[in-house]
N, C-alpha and C. Protein backbone atom coordinates (compact mmCIF):
# COMPACT_ATOMS: atom_id res chain seq x y z
N MET A 1 57.46 34.55 30.57
CA MET A 1 58.67 35.45 30.84
C MET A 1 58.39 36.58 31.76
N MET A 2 58.79 36.61 32.98
CA MET A 2 58.50 37.59 34.06
C MET A 2 59.50 38.57 33.68
N GLN A 3 59.13 39.92 33.67
CA GLN A 3 60.12 41.01 33.50
C GLN A 3 60.59 41.36 34.73
N GLU A 4 61.69 42.05 34.90
CA GLU A 4 62.16 42.78 36.16
C GLU A 4 61.41 43.85 36.45
N SER A 5 61.10 44.22 37.78
CA SER A 5 60.49 45.37 38.05
C SER A 5 61.19 46.55 37.79
N ASN A 6 60.91 47.81 37.37
CA ASN A 6 61.52 48.96 37.13
C ASN A 6 60.94 50.30 37.69
N LEU A 7 60.01 50.01 38.65
CA LEU A 7 59.20 51.12 39.23
C LEU A 7 59.18 50.93 40.70
N SER A 8 59.45 52.01 41.43
CA SER A 8 59.45 52.01 42.96
C SER A 8 58.03 51.74 43.40
N GLU A 9 57.87 51.58 44.69
CA GLU A 9 56.61 51.26 45.31
C GLU A 9 55.64 52.44 45.14
N LYS A 10 56.17 53.73 45.44
CA LYS A 10 55.41 55.02 45.26
C LYS A 10 55.11 55.11 43.92
N ASN A 11 55.84 54.95 43.01
CA ASN A 11 55.58 55.15 41.64
C ASN A 11 54.48 54.19 41.32
N ALA A 12 54.66 52.96 41.55
CA ALA A 12 53.70 51.97 41.28
C ALA A 12 52.17 52.29 41.71
N PHE A 13 52.35 52.76 42.93
CA PHE A 13 50.95 53.04 43.48
C PHE A 13 50.41 54.25 42.95
N CYS A 14 51.01 55.32 42.51
CA CYS A 14 50.65 56.38 41.99
C CYS A 14 50.17 56.31 40.60
N ARG A 15 50.70 55.16 39.62
CA ARG A 15 50.32 54.85 38.40
C ARG A 15 49.03 54.12 38.60
N PHE A 16 48.97 53.22 39.50
CA PHE A 16 47.68 52.47 39.72
C PHE A 16 46.60 53.36 40.05
N ALA A 17 46.77 54.38 40.86
CA ALA A 17 45.62 55.15 41.57
C ALA A 17 45.09 56.27 40.21
N MET A 18 46.31 56.64 39.61
CA MET A 18 45.92 57.54 38.58
C MET A 18 45.14 56.80 37.35
N GLY A 19 45.57 55.55 37.07
CA GLY A 19 44.84 54.61 36.03
C GLY A 19 43.56 54.49 36.39
N ALA A 20 43.34 54.02 37.77
CA ALA A 20 41.89 53.67 38.25
C ALA A 20 41.00 55.00 38.10
N GLY A 21 41.62 56.18 38.33
CA GLY A 21 40.79 57.55 38.12
C GLY A 21 40.54 57.78 36.63
N LEU A 22 41.48 57.50 35.81
CA LEU A 22 41.43 57.80 34.30
C LEU A 22 40.23 56.73 33.66
N THR A 23 40.40 55.65 34.36
CA THR A 23 39.69 54.71 33.84
C THR A 23 37.87 54.81 34.10
N ALA A 24 37.98 55.36 35.59
CA ALA A 24 36.62 55.40 35.89
C ALA A 24 36.18 56.68 35.24
N PHE A 25 36.75 57.80 34.87
CA PHE A 25 36.32 58.96 34.13
C PHE A 25 35.85 58.62 32.78
N GLY A 26 36.80 57.65 32.23
CA GLY A 26 36.57 57.20 30.82
C GLY A 26 34.85 56.65 30.66
N ILE A 27 35.03 55.63 31.79
CA ILE A 27 33.67 54.96 31.70
C ILE A 27 32.60 55.86 31.93
N ALA A 28 32.80 56.92 32.83
CA ALA A 28 31.61 57.84 32.87
C ALA A 28 31.28 58.52 31.66
N LYS A 29 32.29 58.90 30.86
CA LYS A 29 32.00 59.78 29.58
C LYS A 29 31.41 58.71 28.54
N VAL A 30 31.73 57.39 28.65
CA VAL A 30 31.32 56.44 27.69
C VAL A 30 29.85 56.05 28.03
N SER A 31 29.54 56.01 29.45
CA SER A 31 28.22 55.73 29.64
C SER A 31 27.11 56.86 29.31
N ARG A 32 27.76 58.06 29.20
CA ARG A 32 26.77 59.36 28.89
C ARG A 32 26.63 59.18 27.24
N ASN A 33 27.83 58.91 26.54
CA ASN A 33 27.86 58.71 25.08
C ASN A 33 28.66 57.68 24.66
N PRO A 34 27.98 56.72 24.23
CA PRO A 34 28.56 55.23 23.75
C PRO A 34 29.55 55.37 22.67
N GLU A 35 29.35 56.40 21.90
CA GLU A 35 30.19 56.46 20.71
C GLU A 35 31.61 57.47 20.92
N CYS A 36 31.58 57.92 22.27
CA CYS A 36 32.73 58.74 22.69
C CYS A 36 34.06 58.19 22.31
N THR A 37 34.81 58.58 21.46
CA THR A 37 36.08 58.12 21.34
C THR A 37 37.13 58.44 22.55
N LYS A 38 36.99 59.69 22.95
CA LYS A 38 37.82 60.14 23.90
C LYS A 38 37.66 59.46 25.19
N GLY A 39 36.47 59.04 25.49
CA GLY A 39 36.27 58.10 26.69
C GLY A 39 36.73 56.81 26.69
N ARG A 40 36.77 56.30 25.40
CA ARG A 40 37.30 54.75 25.07
C ARG A 40 38.83 54.99 25.23
N LEU A 41 39.55 56.07 24.57
CA LEU A 41 40.91 56.15 24.90
C LEU A 41 41.37 56.16 26.23
N MET A 42 40.57 57.21 27.18
CA MET A 42 40.82 57.09 28.51
C MET A 42 40.65 55.87 29.19
N ILE A 43 39.68 54.97 28.89
CA ILE A 43 39.71 53.83 29.37
C ILE A 43 40.89 52.80 29.23
N ALA A 44 41.25 52.87 27.86
CA ALA A 44 42.53 52.04 27.44
C ALA A 44 43.82 52.45 28.04
N PHE A 45 43.95 53.84 27.98
CA PHE A 45 45.25 54.31 28.61
C PHE A 45 45.08 54.22 30.18
N GLY A 46 44.08 54.30 30.93
CA GLY A 46 43.91 54.26 32.39
C GLY A 46 44.23 52.70 32.82
N ALA A 47 43.67 51.75 31.95
CA ALA A 47 43.79 50.26 32.24
C ALA A 47 45.18 50.05 32.07
N LEU A 48 45.90 50.47 31.03
CA LEU A 48 47.40 50.26 30.76
C LEU A 48 48.25 50.89 32.03
N LYS A 49 47.97 52.16 32.45
CA LYS A 49 48.57 52.64 33.63
C LYS A 49 48.23 51.65 35.01
N MET A 50 47.05 51.22 35.01
CA MET A 50 46.90 50.23 36.25
C MET A 50 47.64 49.10 36.15
N ALA A 51 47.77 48.46 34.88
CA ALA A 51 48.60 47.41 34.80
C ALA A 51 50.02 47.56 35.11
N GLU A 52 50.53 48.80 34.61
CA GLU A 52 52.02 49.19 35.04
C GLU A 52 52.14 49.15 36.56
N GLY A 53 51.23 49.79 37.11
CA GLY A 53 51.05 50.06 38.83
C GLY A 53 51.13 48.55 39.35
N ILE A 54 50.30 47.79 39.01
CA ILE A 54 50.15 46.37 39.60
C ILE A 54 51.42 45.38 39.33
N PHE A 55 52.02 45.41 38.08
CA PHE A 55 53.15 44.64 37.64
C PHE A 55 54.69 45.36 38.09
N LYS A 56 54.44 46.60 38.44
CA LYS A 56 55.60 47.51 38.80
C LYS A 56 56.59 47.39 37.65
N TYR A 57 56.13 47.45 36.42
CA TYR A 57 56.91 47.43 35.24
C TYR A 57 56.52 48.36 34.11
N CYS A 58 57.29 49.15 33.50
CA CYS A 58 56.87 50.11 32.55
C CYS A 58 57.78 49.82 31.25
N PRO A 59 57.15 49.36 30.14
CA PRO A 59 57.89 49.11 29.08
C PRO A 59 58.47 50.26 28.40
N THR A 60 57.78 51.42 28.39
CA THR A 60 58.52 52.49 27.84
C THR A 60 59.71 52.93 28.65
N LYS A 61 59.58 52.88 30.10
CA LYS A 61 60.76 53.19 30.79
C LYS A 61 62.01 52.36 30.49
N ALA A 62 61.73 50.95 30.46
CA ALA A 62 62.68 50.20 30.01
C ALA A 62 63.31 50.36 28.64
N LEU A 63 62.47 50.77 27.78
CA LEU A 63 63.03 50.86 26.44
C LEU A 63 64.20 52.17 26.49
N LEU A 64 63.56 53.18 27.00
CA LEU A 64 64.13 54.34 27.07
C LEU A 64 65.59 54.39 27.90
N GLY A 65 65.31 53.46 28.99
CA GLY A 65 66.59 53.30 29.95
C GLY A 65 67.74 52.32 29.03
N SER A 66 67.22 51.42 28.35
CA SER A 66 68.27 50.61 27.40
C SER A 66 68.82 51.37 26.21
N SER A 67 67.96 52.23 25.74
CA SER A 67 68.47 53.14 24.62
C SER A 67 69.57 54.02 25.28
N LEU A 68 69.29 54.79 26.20
CA LEU A 68 70.14 55.66 26.80
C LEU A 68 71.42 55.02 27.27
N GLU A 69 71.44 53.76 28.06
CA GLU A 69 72.54 53.07 28.46
C GLU A 69 73.49 52.92 27.16
N SER A 70 72.82 52.56 26.21
CA SER A 70 73.66 52.11 24.87
C SER A 70 74.24 53.33 24.36
N ALA A 71 73.57 54.57 24.30
CA ALA A 71 73.98 55.72 23.78
C ALA A 71 75.11 56.33 24.82
N MET A 72 74.95 55.92 26.14
CA MET A 72 75.92 56.54 26.91
C MET A 72 77.30 55.74 26.87
N SER A 73 77.23 54.47 26.48
CA SER A 73 78.28 53.48 26.26
C SER A 73 79.24 53.80 25.12
N ASN A 74 78.32 54.18 24.10
CA ASN A 74 79.06 54.52 22.84
C ASN A 74 79.60 55.96 22.73
N SER A 75 79.22 56.87 23.61
CA SER A 75 79.57 58.29 23.38
C SER A 75 80.82 58.38 24.14
N ASN A 76 81.92 59.42 23.90
CA ASN A 76 83.09 59.57 24.68
C ASN A 76 82.86 60.32 25.82
N ASN A 77 81.64 61.00 26.13
CA ASN A 77 81.52 61.69 27.26
C ASN A 77 81.21 61.03 28.45
N LYS A 78 82.20 60.70 29.32
CA LYS A 78 82.14 59.85 30.55
C LYS A 78 81.71 60.65 31.91
N SER A 79 81.15 61.84 31.63
CA SER A 79 80.92 62.65 32.82
C SER A 79 79.95 62.01 33.96
N ILE A 80 79.13 61.33 33.28
CA ILE A 80 77.99 60.52 33.98
C ILE A 80 78.35 59.16 33.87
N SER A 81 78.58 58.42 34.89
CA SER A 81 78.76 56.92 34.74
C SER A 81 77.46 56.19 34.60
N ASN A 82 77.73 55.03 34.07
CA ASN A 82 76.43 53.95 33.91
C ASN A 82 75.83 53.79 35.21
N SER A 83 76.35 53.60 36.27
CA SER A 83 75.75 53.26 37.47
C SER A 83 74.88 54.46 37.91
N ALA A 84 75.38 55.88 37.77
CA ALA A 84 74.49 56.85 37.92
C ALA A 84 73.29 56.82 37.06
N MET A 85 73.41 56.65 36.03
CA MET A 85 72.34 56.52 34.93
C MET A 85 71.42 55.58 35.33
N GLN A 86 71.93 54.37 35.70
CA GLN A 86 71.01 53.35 36.03
C GLN A 86 70.13 53.66 37.45
N SER A 87 70.96 54.40 38.27
CA SER A 87 70.16 54.93 39.42
C SER A 87 69.25 55.86 39.29
N MET A 88 69.39 56.68 38.25
CA MET A 88 68.30 57.57 37.82
C MET A 88 67.21 57.02 37.56
N PHE A 89 67.28 55.86 36.58
CA PHE A 89 66.05 55.35 36.05
C PHE A 89 65.57 54.46 37.00
N SER A 90 66.00 53.89 37.85
CA SER A 90 65.63 52.99 38.80
C SER A 90 64.72 53.83 39.97
N GLY A 91 64.91 55.15 39.88
CA GLY A 91 64.25 55.87 41.01
C GLY A 91 65.02 56.21 42.34
N GLN A 92 66.34 55.80 42.37
CA GLN A 92 67.11 56.13 43.47
C GLN A 92 68.09 57.11 43.20
N ASN A 93 68.43 57.87 44.15
CA ASN A 93 69.12 59.01 44.27
C ASN A 93 70.61 58.58 44.78
N SER A 94 71.68 58.48 44.03
CA SER A 94 72.94 57.95 44.59
C SER A 94 73.99 58.98 44.08
N MET A 95 73.64 60.41 43.82
CA MET A 95 74.53 61.41 43.44
C MET A 95 75.05 61.94 44.77
N SER A 96 76.44 62.01 44.88
CA SER A 96 77.28 62.48 46.02
C SER A 96 76.94 63.99 46.04
N SER A 97 77.20 64.75 47.13
CA SER A 97 76.96 66.07 47.32
C SER A 97 78.07 66.96 46.48
N GLU A 98 79.17 66.23 46.16
CA GLU A 98 80.30 66.98 45.44
C GLU A 98 79.67 67.03 43.97
N GLN A 99 78.98 65.96 43.55
CA GLN A 99 78.65 65.87 42.10
C GLN A 99 77.47 67.03 42.06
N ILE A 100 76.45 66.98 43.10
CA ILE A 100 75.38 68.06 43.01
C ILE A 100 75.94 69.45 43.07
N ASP A 101 77.04 69.71 43.97
CA ASP A 101 77.54 71.09 43.81
C ASP A 101 78.25 71.31 42.63
N LYS A 102 78.96 70.43 41.78
CA LYS A 102 79.45 70.83 40.49
C LYS A 102 78.45 70.97 39.43
N LEU A 103 77.37 70.23 39.52
CA LEU A 103 76.18 70.40 38.71
C LEU A 103 75.56 71.68 38.77
N MET A 104 75.38 72.24 40.09
CA MET A 104 74.72 73.44 40.35
C MET A 104 75.75 74.64 39.82
N LYS A 105 76.91 74.56 40.01
CA LYS A 105 77.86 75.47 39.72
C LYS A 105 78.08 75.61 37.97
N ASP A 106 77.86 74.43 37.33
CA ASP A 106 77.95 74.38 35.92
C ASP A 106 76.56 75.02 35.53
N PHE A 107 75.57 74.78 35.98
CA PHE A 107 74.30 75.45 35.73
C PHE A 107 74.19 76.94 35.90
N SER A 108 74.58 77.20 36.86
CA SER A 108 74.61 78.73 37.13
C SER A 108 75.63 79.46 36.28
N SER A 109 76.65 78.81 35.85
CA SER A 109 77.69 79.55 35.03
C SER A 109 76.99 79.61 33.45
N ALA A 110 76.21 78.39 33.29
CA ALA A 110 75.84 78.35 32.07
C ALA A 110 74.40 79.30 31.69
N ILE A 111 73.98 79.47 32.98
CA ILE A 111 72.69 80.57 32.82
C ILE A 111 73.31 81.97 32.91
N SER A 112 74.40 82.24 33.56
CA SER A 112 74.87 83.63 33.43
C SER A 112 75.52 83.91 32.19
N GLY A 113 76.07 82.70 31.55
CA GLY A 113 76.94 82.91 30.52
C GLY A 113 78.46 83.31 30.65
N ASN A 114 78.86 83.16 31.89
CA ASN A 114 80.25 83.43 32.53
C ASN A 114 80.90 82.09 32.93
N THR A 115 82.12 82.04 32.91
CA THR A 115 82.92 80.82 33.43
C THR A 115 83.16 81.04 34.86
N SER A 116 83.17 82.05 35.41
CA SER A 116 83.57 82.22 36.76
C SER A 116 82.37 82.98 37.75
N GLY A 117 82.23 82.61 38.76
CA GLY A 117 81.48 83.31 39.79
C GLY A 117 81.63 84.62 40.03
N SER A 118 83.04 85.25 40.11
CA SER A 118 83.31 86.63 40.37
C SER A 118 82.81 87.50 39.17
N ASN A 119 82.93 87.02 37.87
CA ASN A 119 82.50 87.70 36.90
C ASN A 119 81.02 87.85 36.99
N ALA A 120 80.30 86.77 37.30
CA ALA A 120 78.74 86.96 37.46
C ALA A 120 78.42 87.90 38.28
N THR A 121 79.07 88.03 39.55
CA THR A 121 78.79 88.95 40.40
C THR A 121 78.90 90.47 40.02
N ALA A 122 80.17 90.58 39.24
CA ALA A 122 80.48 91.95 38.96
C ALA A 122 79.46 92.31 37.82
N SER A 123 79.19 91.48 36.97
CA SER A 123 78.12 91.66 35.82
C SER A 123 76.81 92.12 36.39
N LYS A 124 76.30 91.43 37.49
CA LYS A 124 75.16 91.55 38.15
C LYS A 124 75.12 92.97 38.91
N GLN A 125 76.30 93.43 39.40
CA GLN A 125 76.26 94.77 40.06
C GLN A 125 76.39 95.89 38.76
N SER A 126 77.05 95.66 37.79
CA SER A 126 77.14 96.74 36.73
C SER A 126 75.64 96.75 36.07
N ASP A 127 75.10 95.58 35.99
CA ASP A 127 73.52 95.58 35.36
C ASP A 127 72.57 96.39 36.24
N SER A 128 72.74 96.15 37.60
CA SER A 128 71.86 96.93 38.34
C SER A 128 72.12 98.37 38.47
N SER A 129 73.40 98.79 38.42
CA SER A 129 73.64 100.36 38.30
C SER A 129 73.11 100.99 36.86
N THR A 130 73.24 100.12 35.94
CA THR A 130 72.93 100.67 34.70
C THR A 130 71.37 100.75 34.61
N SER A 131 70.53 99.79 35.30
CA SER A 131 69.20 99.70 35.36
C SER A 131 68.73 101.04 36.14
N ASN A 132 69.43 101.21 37.20
CA ASN A 132 69.04 102.39 38.07
C ASN A 132 69.23 103.89 37.30
N GLN A 133 70.34 103.79 36.56
CA GLN A 133 70.37 105.17 35.66
C GLN A 133 69.28 105.16 34.69
N HIS A 134 69.05 103.94 34.02
CA HIS A 134 67.88 104.16 32.99
C HIS A 134 66.47 104.57 33.70
N SER A 135 66.17 104.05 34.82
CA SER A 135 64.92 104.13 35.51
C SER A 135 64.91 105.57 36.01
N SER A 136 65.99 106.44 36.36
CA SER A 136 66.02 107.70 36.77
C SER A 136 65.87 108.66 35.62
N GLU A 137 66.43 108.16 34.30
CA GLU A 137 66.29 108.88 33.16
C GLU A 137 64.67 108.83 32.83
N SER A 138 64.08 107.68 32.87
CA SER A 138 62.70 107.32 32.53
C SER A 138 61.83 108.27 33.39
N LYS A 139 62.24 108.42 34.63
CA LYS A 139 61.37 109.11 35.62
C LYS A 139 61.39 110.95 35.14
N ASN A 140 62.54 111.18 34.74
CA ASN A 140 62.78 112.55 34.55
C ASN A 140 61.88 112.84 33.31
N SER A 141 62.06 112.00 32.22
CA SER A 141 61.33 112.08 30.89
C SER A 141 59.80 112.16 31.18
N THR A 142 59.39 111.27 31.92
CA THR A 142 57.91 111.30 32.40
C THR A 142 57.61 112.50 32.90
N THR A 143 58.35 113.09 33.89
CA THR A 143 57.98 114.40 34.64
C THR A 143 58.12 115.45 33.65
N LYS A 144 58.92 115.38 32.69
CA LYS A 144 59.01 116.50 31.40
C LYS A 144 57.92 116.32 30.67
N ALA A 145 57.20 115.12 30.39
CA ALA A 145 56.15 115.05 29.42
C ALA A 145 54.92 115.52 30.13
N GLN A 146 54.77 115.24 31.57
CA GLN A 146 53.53 115.71 32.16
C GLN A 146 53.47 117.12 32.31
N ASN A 147 54.64 117.90 32.63
CA ASN A 147 54.78 119.28 32.91
C ASN A 147 55.48 120.01 31.71
N PRO A 148 54.86 120.43 30.64
CA PRO A 148 55.68 120.88 29.49
C PRO A 148 56.02 122.28 29.70
N SER A 149 56.00 122.83 30.76
CA SER A 149 56.40 124.28 31.16
C SER A 149 57.96 124.43 31.46
């Protein structure tokens, strides 16, 4: 039974190259010390990555993709469609610029803790004026500590 490929060409090549390097490094370690468990694990993991690169199929990615798809279909949150989720796992970017702008605004509001951009700008201005006051006070106290007279 042949599995459907779930890796892009670039991803498969990178996996193969990194797997070959890891396998070679593991072989070098085992050749110096035949009882080296770390070297044997490197060989096994590198060979696994090389096989993923050759067949362009990652079983872990397929398992996580199917688990997330079922979780998304069972949840009530429909902000990300299944096609967008599938495109993210297949290595393709199909998000529109409007979706990216909305995500960026949501992210910036979550970081600042505010719901609107004008509040974020106002709080940044008040924070900068407060920090300027605190820095001038600390300079004065430092000067007084150095010159006790």
